[in-house]
Amino acid sequence: MTAAYDIATATVAGLMAGNEFAVAAFVHPQLHKLGHSTHAQAAAPLAGVLGKAMPFWYGIALLLIVGAAFEHRPLSSSPGLFLLLAAILWAATIVFTIAMLVPINNRIAKMNPDHPYDCWLQDRSRWDQLHQVRVTLLIMAFVLLLTGLFAGAASTAI
């Protein structure tokens, strides 16, 4: 059970971190190369659909990470401590996202792409800057998660 749970946790969290990295590194840079009208027509629906799906994905990943920390307790040992730190960093990322990125995303998702509001491109650039911070936090949390899971697997294999 532990190995299957750890694999599921690493998969869900890894896909989340990878998805957010792809948005930052590939999707949004290409959208910024489009004309303003085309960019707005792509940005609004993307912001809407991702704004609906991502909260569940973030939440499920956090629950799995917390479960892994519980599973690999005590939290004072290497595996448990790494997993606890991953959970704390993941939770901090969720709070950061809700406080900083969600309001901007909601404005972009609700805009009329045919007549975007005046400062939407500034909002988009601000969102991209904040998103880079989020991606960094997620990657750090994912590395902590993998470190804890590998340390846990190594300690049970001995």
C-alpha atoms as a PDB file:
ATOM      1  CA  MET A   1       0.000   0.000   0.000  1.00  0.00           C
ATOM      2  CA  THR A   2       2.785   2.443   0.899  1.00  0.00           C
ATOM      3  CA  ALA A   3       4.527   2.152  -2.470  1.00  0.00           C
ATOM      4  CA  ALA A   4       1.277   2.637  -4.412  1.00  0.00           C
ATOM      5  CA  TYR A   5       0.334   5.627  -2.260  1.00  0.00           C
ATOM      6  CA  ASP A   6       3.786   7.171  -2.682  1.00  0.00           C
ATOM      7  CA  ILE A   7       3.648   6.683  -6.450  1.00  0.00           C
ATOM      8  CA  ALA A   8       0.191   8.267  -6.622  1.00  0.00           C
ATOM      9  CA  THR A   9       1.356  11.196  -4.482  1.00  0.00           C
ATOM     10  CA  ALA A  10       4.482  11.783  -6.575  1.00  0.00           C
ATOM     11  CA  THR A  11       2.467  11.496  -9.789  1.00  0.00           C
ATOM     12  CA  VAL A  12      -0.255  13.969  -8.791  1.00  0.00           C
ATOM     13  CA  ALA A  13       2.212  16.503  -7.347  1.00  0.00           C
ATOM     14  CA  GLY A  14       4.691  16.032 -10.199  1.00  0.00           C
ATOM     15  CA  LEU A  15       2.051  16.532 -12.860  1.00  0.00           C
ATOM     16  CA  MET A  16       0.877  19.676 -11.073  1.00  0.00           C
ATOM     17  CA  ALA A  17       4.370  21.131 -10.812  1.00  0.00           C
ATOM     18  CA  GLY A  18       5.109  20.131 -14.409  1.00  0.00           C
ATOM     19  CA  ASN A  19       1.893  21.653 -15.686  1.00  0.00           C
ATOM     20  CA  GLU A  20       2.599  24.943 -13.932  1.00  0.00           C
ATOM     21  CA  PHE A  21       6.169  24.914 -15.258  1.00  0.00           C
ATOM     22  CA  ALA A  22       4.866  24.326 -18.804  1.00  0.00           C
ATOM     23  CA  VAL A  23       2.481  27.273 -18.490  1.00  0.00           C
ATOM     24  CA  ALA A  24       5.345  29.513 -17.346  1.00  0.00           C
ATOM     25  CA  ALA A  25       7.994  28.268 -19.755  1.00  0.00           C
ATOM     26  CA  PHE A  26       6.036  27.505 -22.920  1.00  0.00           C
ATOM     27  CA  VAL A  27       2.342  28.450 -23.015  1.00  0.00           C
ATOM     28  CA  HIS A  28       2.355  32.043 -21.796  1.00  0.00           C
ATOM     29  CA  PRO A  29       5.507  33.107 -23.649  1.00  0.00           C
ATOM     30  CA  GLN A  30       3.846  31.945 -26.879  1.00  0.00           C
ATOM     31  CA  LEU A  31       0.587  33.716 -26.019  1.00  0.00           C
ATOM     32  CA  HIS A  32       2.516  36.958 -25.495  1.00  0.00           C
ATOM     33  CA  LYS A  33       3.807  36.660 -29.079  1.00  0.00           C
ATOM     34  CA  LEU A  34       0.259  36.760 -30.448  1.00  0.00           C
ATOM     35  CA  GLY A  35      -1.552  39.919 -31.388  1.00  0.00           C
ATOM     36  CA  HIS A  36      -3.456  41.521 -28.509  1.00  0.00           C
ATOM     37  CA  SER A  37      -6.852  40.446 -29.830  1.00  0.00           C
ATOM     38  CA  THR A  38      -5.832  36.826 -30.401  1.00  0.00           C
ATOM     39  CA  HIS A  39      -4.040  36.764 -27.060  1.00  0.00           C
ATOM     40  CA  ALA A  40      -7.192  37.977 -25.282  1.00  0.00           C
ATOM     41  CA  GLN A  41      -9.327  35.399 -27.099  1.00  0.00           C
ATOM     42  CA  ALA A  42      -7.002  32.626 -25.902  1.00  0.00           C
ATOM     43  CA  ALA A  43      -6.294  33.990 -22.414  1.00  0.00           C
ATOM     44  CA  ALA A  44      -9.870  34.427 -21.177  1.00  0.00           C
ATOM     45  CA  PRO A  45     -11.076  30.846 -21.740  1.00  0.00           C
ATOM     46  CA  LEU A  46      -7.774  29.368 -20.546  1.00  0.00           C
ATOM     47  CA  ALA A  47      -7.975  31.414 -17.351  1.00  0.00           C
ATOM     48  CA  GLY A  48     -11.552  30.246 -16.875  1.00  0.00           C
ATOM     49  CA  VAL A  49     -11.017  26.533 -17.361  1.00  0.00           C
ATOM     50  CA  LEU A  50      -7.751  26.367 -15.430  1.00  0.00           C
ATOM     51  CA  GLY A  51      -9.228  28.528 -12.673  1.00  0.00           C
ATOM     52  CA  LYS A  52     -11.919  25.890 -12.176  1.00  0.00           C
ATOM     53  CA  ALA A  53      -9.736  22.775 -12.382  1.00  0.00           C
ATOM     54  CA  MET A  54      -6.610  23.820 -10.524  1.00  0.00           C
ATOM     55  CA  PRO A  55      -8.063  24.312  -7.014  1.00  0.00           C
ATOM     56  CA  PHE A  56      -9.102  20.654  -6.895  1.00  0.00           C
ATOM     57  CA  TRP A  57      -5.740  19.484  -8.204  1.00  0.00           C
ATOM     58  CA  TYR A  58      -3.837  21.620  -5.680  1.00  0.00           C
ATOM     59  CA  GLY A  59      -6.069  20.377  -2.865  1.00  0.00           C
ATOM     60  CA  ILE A  60      -5.782  16.716  -3.799  1.00  0.00           C
ATOM     61  CA  ALA A  61      -1.998  17.028  -4.060  1.00  0.00           C
ATOM     62  CA  LEU A  62      -1.816  18.676  -0.626  1.00  0.00           C
ATOM     63  CA  LEU A  63      -3.980  15.973   0.938  1.00  0.00           C
ATOM     64  CA  LEU A  64      -1.805  13.269  -0.606  1.00  0.00           C
ATOM     65  CA  ILE A  65       1.387  14.968   0.612  1.00  0.00           C
ATOM     66  CA  VAL A  66      -0.008  15.336   4.129  1.00  0.00           C
ATOM     67  CA  GLY A  67      -1.033  11.676   3.996  1.00  0.00           C
ATOM     68  CA  ALA A  68       2.467  10.698   2.909  1.00  0.00           C
ATOM     69  CA  ALA A  69       3.948  12.693   5.801  1.00  0.00           C
ATOM     70  CA  PHE A  70       1.620  10.859   8.179  1.00  0.00           C
ATOM     71  CA  GLU A  71       2.476   7.537   6.566  1.00  0.00           C
ATOM     72  CA  HIS A  72       6.248   8.132   6.884  1.00  0.00           C
ATOM     73  CA  ARG A  73       6.185   9.417  10.451  1.00  0.00           C
ATOM     74  CA  PRO A  74       7.780  10.221  12.790  1.00  0.00           C
ATOM     75  CA  LEU A  75       7.948  13.725  11.404  1.00  0.00           C
ATOM     76  CA  SER A  76      11.232  14.312  13.200  1.00  0.00           C
ATOM     77  CA  SER A  77      13.050  11.725  11.060  1.00  0.00           C
ATOM     78  CA  SER A  78      14.400  12.411   7.586  1.00  0.00           C
ATOM     79  CA  PRO A  79      11.528  11.042   5.458  1.00  0.00           C
ATOM     80  CA  GLY A  80       8.784  12.495   7.628  1.00  0.00           C
ATOM     81  CA  LEU A  81      10.526  15.841   8.015  1.00  0.00           C
ATOM     82  CA  PHE A  82      11.070  16.255   4.273  1.00  0.00           C
ATOM     83  CA  LEU A  83       7.431  15.356   3.646  1.00  0.00           C
ATOM     84  CA  LEU A  84       6.215  17.746   6.336  1.00  0.00           C
ATOM     85  CA  LEU A  85       8.293  20.540   4.782  1.00  0.00           C
ATOM     86  CA  ALA A  86       6.880  19.661   1.349  1.00  0.00           C
ATOM     87  CA  ALA A  87       3.339  19.870   2.757  1.00  0.00           C
ATOM     88  CA  ILE A  88       4.040  23.221   4.430  1.00  0.00           C
ATOM     89  CA  LEU A  89       5.534  24.638   1.244  1.00  0.00           C
ATOM     90  CA  TRP A  90       2.638  23.275  -0.844  1.00  0.00           C
ATOM     91  CA  ALA A  91       0.124  24.829   1.581  1.00  0.00           C
ATOM     92  CA  ALA A  92       2.017  28.145   1.480  1.00  0.00           C
ATOM     93  CA  THR A  93       1.851  28.003  -2.315  1.00  0.00           C
ATOM     94  CA  ILE A  94      -1.920  27.562  -2.145  1.00  0.00           C
ATOM     95  CA  VAL A  95      -2.258  30.577   0.178  1.00  0.00           C
ATOM     96  CA  PHE A  96       0.024  32.621  -2.115  1.00  0.00           C
ATOM     97  CA  THR A  97      -2.049  31.557  -5.123  1.00  0.00           C
ATOM     98  CA  ILE A  98      -5.363  32.493  -3.511  1.00  0.00           C
ATOM     99  CA  ALA A  99      -4.072  35.843  -2.279  1.00  0.00           C
ATOM    100  CA  MET A 100      -2.062  36.954  -5.301  1.00  0.00           C
ATOM    101  CA  LEU A 101      -2.876  35.050  -8.482  1.00  0.00           C
ATOM    102  CA  VAL A 102      -6.566  34.155  -8.208  1.00  0.00           C
ATOM    103  CA  PRO A 103      -7.860  37.770  -8.246  1.00  0.00           C
ATOM    104  CA  ILE A 104      -5.910  38.524 -11.429  1.00  0.00           C
ATOM    105  CA  ASN A 105      -6.932  35.222 -13.019  1.00  0.00           C
ATOM    106  CA  ASN A 106     -10.597  35.904 -12.224  1.00  0.00           C
ATOM    107  CA  ARG A 107     -10.462  39.339 -13.883  1.00  0.00           C
ATOM    108  CA  ILE A 108      -8.911  37.846 -17.024  1.00  0.00           C
ATOM    109  CA  ALA A 109     -11.353  34.908 -17.064  1.00  0.00           C
ATOM    110  CA  LYS A 110     -14.363  37.242 -16.828  1.00  0.00           C
ATOM    111  CA  MET A 111     -13.229  39.736 -19.453  1.00  0.00           C
ATOM    112  CA  ASN A 112     -14.887  39.963 -22.826  1.00  0.00           C
ATOM    113  CA  PRO A 113     -12.108  38.849 -25.195  1.00  0.00           C
ATOM    114  CA  ASP A 114     -13.537  40.996 -27.979  1.00  0.00           C
ATOM    115  CA  HIS A 115     -13.314  44.087 -25.746  1.00  0.00           C
ATOM    116  CA  PRO A 116     -10.705  43.421 -23.027  1.00  0.00           C
ATOM    117  CA  TYR A 117     -10.420  45.896 -20.173  1.00  0.00           C
ATOM    118  CA  ASP A 118      -7.740  48.581 -20.437  1.00  0.00           C
ATOM    119  CA  CYS A 119      -4.982  47.171 -18.226  1.00  0.00           C
ATOM    120  CA  TRP A 120      -5.472  43.473 -18.897  1.00  0.00           C
ATOM    121  CA  LEU A 121      -2.004  43.081 -20.448  1.00  0.00           C
ATOM    122  CA  GLN A 122      -0.435  44.612 -17.330  1.00  0.00           C
ATOM    123  CA  ASP A 123      -2.503  42.178 -15.254  1.00  0.00           C
ATOM    124  CA  ARG A 124      -1.314  39.349 -17.452  1.00  0.00           C
ATOM    125  CA  SER A 125       2.341  40.367 -17.038  1.00  0.00           C
ATOM    126  CA  ARG A 126       1.907  40.703 -13.257  1.00  0.00           C
ATOM    127  CA  TRP A 127       0.267  37.264 -13.164  1.00  0.00           C
ATOM    128  CA  ASP A 128       3.209  35.797 -15.098  1.00  0.00           C
ATOM    129  CA  GLN A 129       5.717  37.312 -12.645  1.00  0.00           C
ATOM    130  CA  LEU A 130       3.802  35.962  -9.653  1.00  0.00           C
ATOM    131  CA  HIS A 131       3.375  32.627 -11.401  1.00  0.00           C
ATOM    132  CA  GLN A 132       7.156  32.290 -11.665  1.00  0.00           C
ATOM    133  CA  VAL A 133       7.324  32.569  -7.875  1.00  0.00           C
ATOM    134  CA  ARG A 134       4.620  29.918  -7.602  1.00  0.00           C
ATOM    135  CA  VAL A 135       6.454  27.576  -9.971  1.00  0.00           C
ATOM    136  CA  THR A 136       9.634  27.956  -7.929  1.00  0.00           C
ATOM    137  CA  LEU A 137       7.747  27.115  -4.721  1.00  0.00           C
ATOM    138  CA  LEU A 138       6.079  24.101  -6.344  1.00  0.00           C
ATOM    139  CA  ILE A 139       9.354  22.738  -7.668  1.00  0.00           C
ATOM    140  CA  MET A 140      10.958  23.162  -4.249  1.00  0.00           C
ATOM    141  CA  ALA A 141       7.999  21.369  -2.637  1.00  0.00           C
ATOM    142  CA  PHE A 142       8.174  18.599  -5.232  1.00  0.00           C
ATOM    143  CA  VAL A 143      11.906  18.070  -4.650  1.00  0.00           C
ATOM    144  CA  LEU A 144      11.256  17.884  -0.891  1.00  0.00           C
ATOM    145  CA  LEU A 145       8.429  15.427  -1.566  1.00  0.00           C
ATOM    146  CA  LEU A 146      10.619  13.171  -3.708  1.00  0.00           C
ATOM    147  CA  THR A 147      13.456  13.372  -1.200  1.00  0.00           C
ATOM    148  CA  GLY A 148      11.110  12.297   1.589  1.00  0.00           C
ATOM    149  CA  LEU A 149       9.561   9.520  -0.462  1.00  0.00           C
ATOM    150  CA  PHE A 150      12.946   8.145  -1.566  1.00  0.00           C
ATOM    151  CA  ALA A 151      14.315   8.396   1.968  1.00  0.00           C
ATOM    152  CA  GLY A 152      11.227   6.587   3.219  1.00  0.00           C
ATOM    153  CA  ALA A 153      11.570   3.870   0.619  1.00  0.00           C
ATOM    154  CA  ALA A 154      15.258   3.464   1.401  1.00  0.00           C
ATOM    155  CA  SER A 155      14.651   3.208   5.142  1.00  0.00           C
ATOM    156  CA  THR A 156      11.981   0.524   4.705  1.00  0.00           C
ATOM    157  CA  ALA A 157      14.144  -1.446   2.253  1.00  0.00           C
ATOM    158  CA  ILE A 158      16.931  -1.823   4.789  1.00  0.00           C
END
